[in-house]
C-alpha atoms as a PDB file:
ATOM      1  CA  MET A   1      24.717   1.445  10.135  1.00  0.00           C
ATOM      2  CA  ASP A   2      26.520   4.290   8.363  1.00  0.00           C
ATOM      3  CA  TYR A   3      23.995   7.130   7.161  1.00  0.00           C
ATOM      4  CA  SER A   4      26.775   9.298   5.366  1.00  0.00           C
ATOM      5  CA  GLY A   5      25.438   8.271   1.909  1.00  0.00           C
ATOM      6  CA  LEU A   6      22.320   9.084   3.018  1.00  0.00           C
ATOM      7  CA  TYR A   7      22.920  11.885   4.435  1.00  0.00           C
ATOM      8  CA  LEU A   8      24.519  13.239   0.885  1.00  0.00           C
ATOM      9  CA  ILE A   9      21.582  12.021  -0.963  1.00  0.00           C
ATOM     10  CA  LEU A  10      18.516  13.681   0.927  1.00  0.00           C
ATOM     11  CA  ASN A  11      20.962  16.937   1.307  1.00  0.00           C
ATOM     12  CA  SER A  12      21.690  17.246  -2.170  1.00  0.00           C
ATOM     13  CA  CYS A  13      18.032  16.653  -2.711  1.00  0.00           C
ATOM     14  CA  ILE A  14      17.299  19.398  -0.316  1.00  0.00           C
ATOM     15  CA  ASN A  15      20.156  22.112  -1.881  1.00  0.00           C
ATOM     16  CA  ASN A  16      18.720  21.433  -5.658  1.00  0.00           C
ATOM     17  CA  TYR A  17      21.513  19.518  -7.130  1.00  0.00           C
ATOM     18  CA  MET A  18      21.330  15.814  -7.503  1.00  0.00           C
ATOM     19  CA  PRO A  19      24.063  14.201  -9.067  1.00  0.00           C
ATOM     20  CA  ASN A  20      21.551  12.580 -11.744  1.00  0.00           C
ATOM     21  CA  ASN A  21      19.301  15.857 -11.745  1.00  0.00           C
ATOM     22  CA  GLN A  22      16.383  13.649 -10.633  1.00  0.00           C
ATOM     23  CA  PHE A  23      14.500  16.189  -8.611  1.00  0.00           C
ATOM     24  CA  LYS A  24      14.268  19.822  -8.112  1.00  0.00           C
ATOM     25  CA  LYS A  25      13.727  22.053  -4.930  1.00  0.00           C
ATOM     26  CA  GLY A  26      10.189  21.280  -4.143  1.00  0.00           C
ATOM     27  CA  GLU A  27       9.785  18.055  -6.110  1.00  0.00           C
ATOM     28  CA  LEU A  28      11.006  15.448  -3.702  1.00  0.00           C
ATOM     29  CA  TYR A  29       8.011  15.864  -1.303  1.00  0.00           C
ATOM     30  CA  SER A  30       5.523  15.816  -3.955  1.00  0.00           C
ATOM     31  CA  PHE A  31       7.459  12.623  -5.229  1.00  0.00           C
ATOM     32  CA  ILE A  32       7.786  10.832  -2.070  1.00  0.00           C
ATOM     33  CA  THR A  33       3.992  11.536  -0.984  1.00  0.00           C
ATOM     34  CA  GLY A  34       2.378  10.348  -4.545  1.00  0.00           C
ATOM     35  CA  LYS A  35       3.781  10.238  -7.693  1.00  0.00           C
ATOM     36  CA  ALA A  36       5.190   6.612  -7.503  1.00  0.00           C
ATOM     37  CA  SER A  37       2.466   5.267  -5.444  1.00  0.00           C
ATOM     38  CA  THR A  38      -0.128   6.562  -7.870  1.00  0.00           C
ATOM     39  CA  ALA A  39       1.590   5.154 -10.992  1.00  0.00           C
ATOM     40  CA  ILE A  40       1.881   1.804  -9.123  1.00  0.00           C
ATOM     41  CA  ALA A  41      -1.845   1.944  -8.133  1.00  0.00           C
ATOM     42  CA  ARG A  42      -2.706   3.169 -11.896  1.00  0.00           C
ATOM     43  CA  ARG A  43      -0.755   0.045 -13.111  1.00  0.00           C
ATOM     44  CA  LEU A  44      -2.738  -2.206 -11.086  1.00  0.00           C
ATOM     45  CA  GLN A  45      -6.092  -1.162 -11.362  1.00  0.00           C
ATOM     46  CA  LYS A  46      -5.515  -1.390 -15.033  1.00  0.00           C
ATOM     47  CA  LYS A  47      -4.677  -5.149 -14.425  1.00  0.00           C
ATOM     48  CA  LEU A  48      -7.092  -5.937 -11.976  1.00  0.00           C
ATOM     49  CA  ASN A  49      -9.310  -4.790 -14.616  1.00  0.00           C
ATOM     50  CA  ASP A  50      -8.000  -5.972 -17.348  1.00  0.00           C
ATOM     51  CA  ALA A  51      -8.274  -9.640 -15.329  1.00  0.00           C
ATOM     52  CA  GLY A  52     -11.903  -8.692 -15.426  1.00  0.00           C
ATOM     53  CA  LEU A  53     -11.644  -8.665 -11.622  1.00  0.00           C
ATOM     54  CA  LYS A  54     -14.201  -6.164  -9.769  1.00  0.00           C
ATOM     55  CA  LEU A  55     -12.293  -4.419  -7.491  1.00  0.00           C
ATOM     56  CA  THR A  56     -10.812  -1.209  -6.872  1.00  0.00           C
ATOM     57  CA  ILE A  57      -7.163  -0.975  -5.238  1.00  0.00           C
ATOM     58  CA  GLU A  58      -8.875   0.183  -2.225  1.00  0.00           C
ATOM     59  CA  GLN A  59     -10.834  -2.490  -1.630  1.00  0.00           C
ATOM     60  CA  TRP A  60      -7.392  -4.895  -2.865  1.00  0.00           C
ATOM     61  CA  SER A  61      -5.353  -3.187   0.231  1.00  0.00           C
ATOM     62  CA  VAL A  62      -8.347  -3.948   2.727  1.00  0.00           C
ATOM     63  CA  LEU A  63      -8.225  -7.783   1.290  1.00  0.00           C
ATOM     64  CA  TYR A  64      -4.514  -7.533   1.179  1.00  0.00           C
ATOM     65  CA  HIS A  65      -4.570  -7.267   5.031  1.00  0.00           C
ATOM     66  CA  LEU A  66      -6.819  -9.665   5.437  1.00  0.00           C
ATOM     67  CA  TRP A  67      -4.714 -12.183   3.666  1.00  0.00           C
ATOM     68  CA  LYS A  68      -1.996 -11.702   6.032  1.00  0.00           C
ATOM     69  CA  GLU A  69      -4.267 -12.158   9.333  1.00  0.00           C
ATOM     70  CA  ASP A  70      -8.228 -13.003   8.815  1.00  0.00           C
ATOM     71  CA  GLY A  71     -10.551 -11.914  11.412  1.00  0.00           C
ATOM     72  CA  LYS A  72      -8.659  -7.805  11.839  1.00  0.00           C
ATOM     73  CA  SER A  73     -11.328  -5.610  13.513  1.00  0.00           C
ATOM     74  CA  GLN A  74     -12.270  -2.248  11.451  1.00  0.00           C
ATOM     75  CA  GLN A  75     -10.058  -0.675  13.698  1.00  0.00           C
ATOM     76  CA  GLU A  76      -7.127  -2.462  12.895  1.00  0.00           C
ATOM     77  CA  LEU A  77      -7.806  -2.030   9.222  1.00  0.00           C
ATOM     78  CA  CYS A  78      -7.694   1.432   9.852  1.00  0.00           C
ATOM     79  CA  ASN A  79      -4.261   1.456  11.323  1.00  0.00           C
ATOM     80  CA  ALA A  80      -3.035  -1.292   8.857  1.00  0.00           C
ATOM     81  CA  THR A  81      -4.397   0.867   5.780  1.00  0.00           C
ATOM     82  CA  PHE A  82      -3.791   4.165   6.684  1.00  0.00           C
ATOM     83  CA  ARG A  83      -7.410   4.798   6.078  1.00  0.00           C
ATOM     84  CA  ASP A  84      -9.744   6.600   8.602  1.00  0.00           C
ATOM     85  CA  LYS A  85     -12.813   5.058  10.417  1.00  0.00           C
ATOM     86  CA  PRO A  86     -15.574   6.332   7.641  1.00  0.00           C
ATOM     87  CA  SER A  87     -13.434   5.140   4.742  1.00  0.00           C
ATOM     88  CA  ILE A  88     -13.353   1.353   6.200  1.00  0.00           C
ATOM     89  CA  THR A  89     -16.502   1.112   6.926  1.00  0.00           C
ATOM     90  CA  ARG A  90     -17.480   2.545   3.331  1.00  0.00           C
ATOM     91  CA  LEU A  91     -15.010  -0.504   2.119  1.00  0.00           C
ATOM     92  CA  VAL A  92     -16.160  -3.164   4.083  1.00  0.00           C
ATOM     93  CA  ASP A  93     -19.858  -2.532   3.360  1.00  0.00           C
ATOM     94  CA  ASN A  94     -18.943  -2.321  -0.252  1.00  0.00           C
ATOM     95  CA  LEU A  95     -16.859  -5.749  -0.013  1.00  0.00           C
ATOM     96  CA  GLU A  96     -19.771  -6.902   1.826  1.00  0.00           C
ATOM     97  CA  LYS A  97     -22.173  -6.369  -1.021  1.00  0.00           C
ATOM     98  CA  LEU A  98     -19.204  -8.340  -3.128  1.00  0.00           C
ATOM     99  CA  ASN A  99     -19.745 -11.253  -1.118  1.00  0.00           C
ATOM    100  CA  LEU A 100     -15.692 -11.171  -0.564  1.00  0.00           C
ATOM    101  CA  VAL A 101     -15.977 -10.373   3.781  1.00  0.00           C
ATOM    102  CA  LYS A 102     -18.098 -10.886   6.290  1.00  0.00           C
ATOM    103  CA  ARG A 103     -18.565  -8.832   9.577  1.00  0.00           C
ATOM    104  CA  VAL A 104     -18.813 -10.881  12.815  1.00  0.00           C
ATOM    105  CA  ALA A 105     -19.234  -9.146  15.982  1.00  0.00           C
ATOM    106  CA  ALA A 106     -16.247 -10.058  18.520  1.00  0.00           C
ATOM    107  CA  GLU A 107     -17.642 -12.101  21.249  1.00  0.00           C
ATOM    108  CA  ASN A 108     -16.066 -10.418  24.183  1.00  0.00           C
ATOM    109  CA  ASP A 109     -17.448  -6.982  22.579  1.00  0.00           C
ATOM    110  CA  ARG A 110     -20.288  -6.788  20.436  1.00  0.00           C
ATOM    111  CA  ARG A 111     -19.673  -3.575  19.642  1.00  0.00           C
ATOM    112  CA  ILE A 112     -16.374  -4.400  18.050  1.00  0.00           C
ATOM    113  CA  ASN A 113     -16.850  -5.956  14.037  1.00  0.00           C
ATOM    114  CA  LYS A 114     -14.261  -8.626  12.991  1.00  0.00           C
ATOM    115  CA  ILE A 115     -13.871  -8.969   9.471  1.00  0.00           C
ATOM    116  CA  PHE A 116     -13.566 -12.279   7.469  1.00  0.00           C
ATOM    117  CA  LEU A 117     -12.752 -13.238   4.287  1.00  0.00           C
ATOM    118  CA  THR A 118     -15.060 -15.256   2.538  1.00  0.00           C
ATOM    119  CA  LYS A 119     -14.014 -18.413   0.200  1.00  0.00           C
ATOM    120  CA  GLN A 120     -14.807 -16.093  -3.116  1.00  0.00           C
ATOM    121  CA  ALA A 121     -12.041 -13.562  -1.344  1.00  0.00           C
ATOM    122  CA  GLN A 122      -9.869 -16.460  -0.413  1.00  0.00           C
ATOM    123  CA  LYS A 123      -9.708 -17.877  -4.168  1.00  0.00           C
ATOM    124  CA  MET A 124      -8.935 -14.231  -5.344  1.00  0.00           C
ATOM    125  CA  GLN A 125      -5.501 -13.850  -3.390  1.00  0.00           C
ATOM    126  CA  GLU A 126      -3.160 -15.969  -5.743  1.00  0.00           C
ATOM    127  CA  GLN A 127      -4.329 -14.400  -9.355  1.00  0.00           C
ATOM    128  CA  THR A 128      -4.632 -10.224  -7.499  1.00  0.00           C
ATOM    129  CA  MET A 129      -1.078 -10.845  -5.214  1.00  0.00           C
ATOM    130  CA  MET A 130       0.289 -12.242  -8.684  1.00  0.00           C
ATOM    131  CA  LEU A 131      -0.730  -8.803 -10.544  1.00  0.00           C
ATOM    132  CA  ALA A 132       0.439  -7.273  -7.763  1.00  0.00           C
ATOM    133  CA  GLU A 133       4.081  -8.344  -7.744  1.00  0.00           C
ATOM    134  CA  GLU A 134       3.958  -8.008 -12.049  1.00  0.00           C
ATOM    135  CA  THR A 135       3.554  -4.568 -11.471  1.00  0.00           C
ATOM    136  CA  LEU A 136       5.654  -3.928  -8.686  1.00  0.00           C
ATOM    137  CA  ASN A 137       8.538  -5.686 -10.896  1.00  0.00           C
ATOM    138  CA  GLU A 138       7.647  -3.577 -14.110  1.00  0.00           C
ATOM    139  CA  ALA A 139       8.160  -0.621 -11.605  1.00  0.00           C
ATOM    140  CA  LEU A 140      11.592  -1.800 -10.257  1.00  0.00           C
ATOM    141  CA  GLU A 141      12.553  -3.350 -13.331  1.00  0.00           C
ATOM    142  CA  THR A 142      15.751  -1.008 -14.023  1.00  0.00           C
ATOM    143  CA  VAL A 143      16.627   0.125 -10.682  1.00  0.00           C
ATOM    144  CA  PRO A 144      19.604  -1.607  -9.030  1.00  0.00           C
ATOM    145  CA  ALA A 145      18.980  -3.119  -5.671  1.00  0.00           C
ATOM    146  CA  ASP A 146      21.020  -1.173  -3.956  1.00  0.00           C
ATOM    147  CA  LYS A 147      19.407   2.131  -5.204  1.00  0.00           C
ATOM    148  CA  ILE A 148      16.112  -0.208  -3.883  1.00  0.00           C
ATOM    149  CA  ASP A 149      17.790  -0.640  -0.507  1.00  0.00           C
ATOM    150  CA  VAL A 150      18.720   3.063   0.023  1.00  0.00           C
ATOM    151  CA  CYS A 151      15.203   3.931  -0.969  1.00  0.00           C
ATOM    152  CA  LYS A 152      13.478   2.004   1.316  1.00  0.00           C
ATOM    153  CA  GLU A 153      15.851   3.162   4.317  1.00  0.00           C
ATOM    154  CA  VAL A 154      15.373   6.734   3.556  1.00  0.00           C
ATOM    155  CA  LEU A 155      11.082   6.458   3.055  1.00  0.00           C
ATOM    156  CA  GLN A 156      11.633   3.946   6.730  1.00  0.00           C
ATOM    157  CA  ILE A 157      13.295   6.955   8.244  1.00  0.00           C
ATOM    158  CA  VAL A 158      11.038   9.859   6.847  1.00  0.00           C
ATOM    159  CA  TYR A 159       8.254   7.567   8.279  1.00  0.00           C
ATOM    160  CA  ASP A 160       9.807   7.416  11.766  1.00  0.00           C
ATOM    161  CA  ASN A 161      10.427  10.623  12.184  1.00  0.00           C
ATOM    162  CA  LEU A 162       7.152  11.477  11.598  1.00  0.00           C
ATOM    163  CA  LYS A 163       4.670   8.274  12.940  1.00  0.00           C
END
């Protein structure tokens, strides 16, 4: 893989001279760590609210991972969502109150809780995934595909460097 183009992009970010002047020195960090993510999360939260779904983005992210693989342990959900144990416990507690998930003790180790979707949560999947896809389409509407590919590559490298 040729990283020369990637190097030029990152070097120009660091040295404060992006050709299109999108980033000033120091702004790259705040952008990578939250501006875009926060904007997308806010838009998706608004769409969930407008659809009458009483679900937070944080709760949706837990459901998302359970839709991918039902019956994950709470620790697996921590790892998948990058949240700590108390946060996942609180989210699962609230999802249980909403009758969207059910805790079941693992057969081989009763200290481990497996989290399973209820029928009600399964029914929400299609609608919420459609809203998430709409949100991402809106966010990326004017971004050329090649720029999306570069962005994904850069963010994956940043993640890999720090994990």
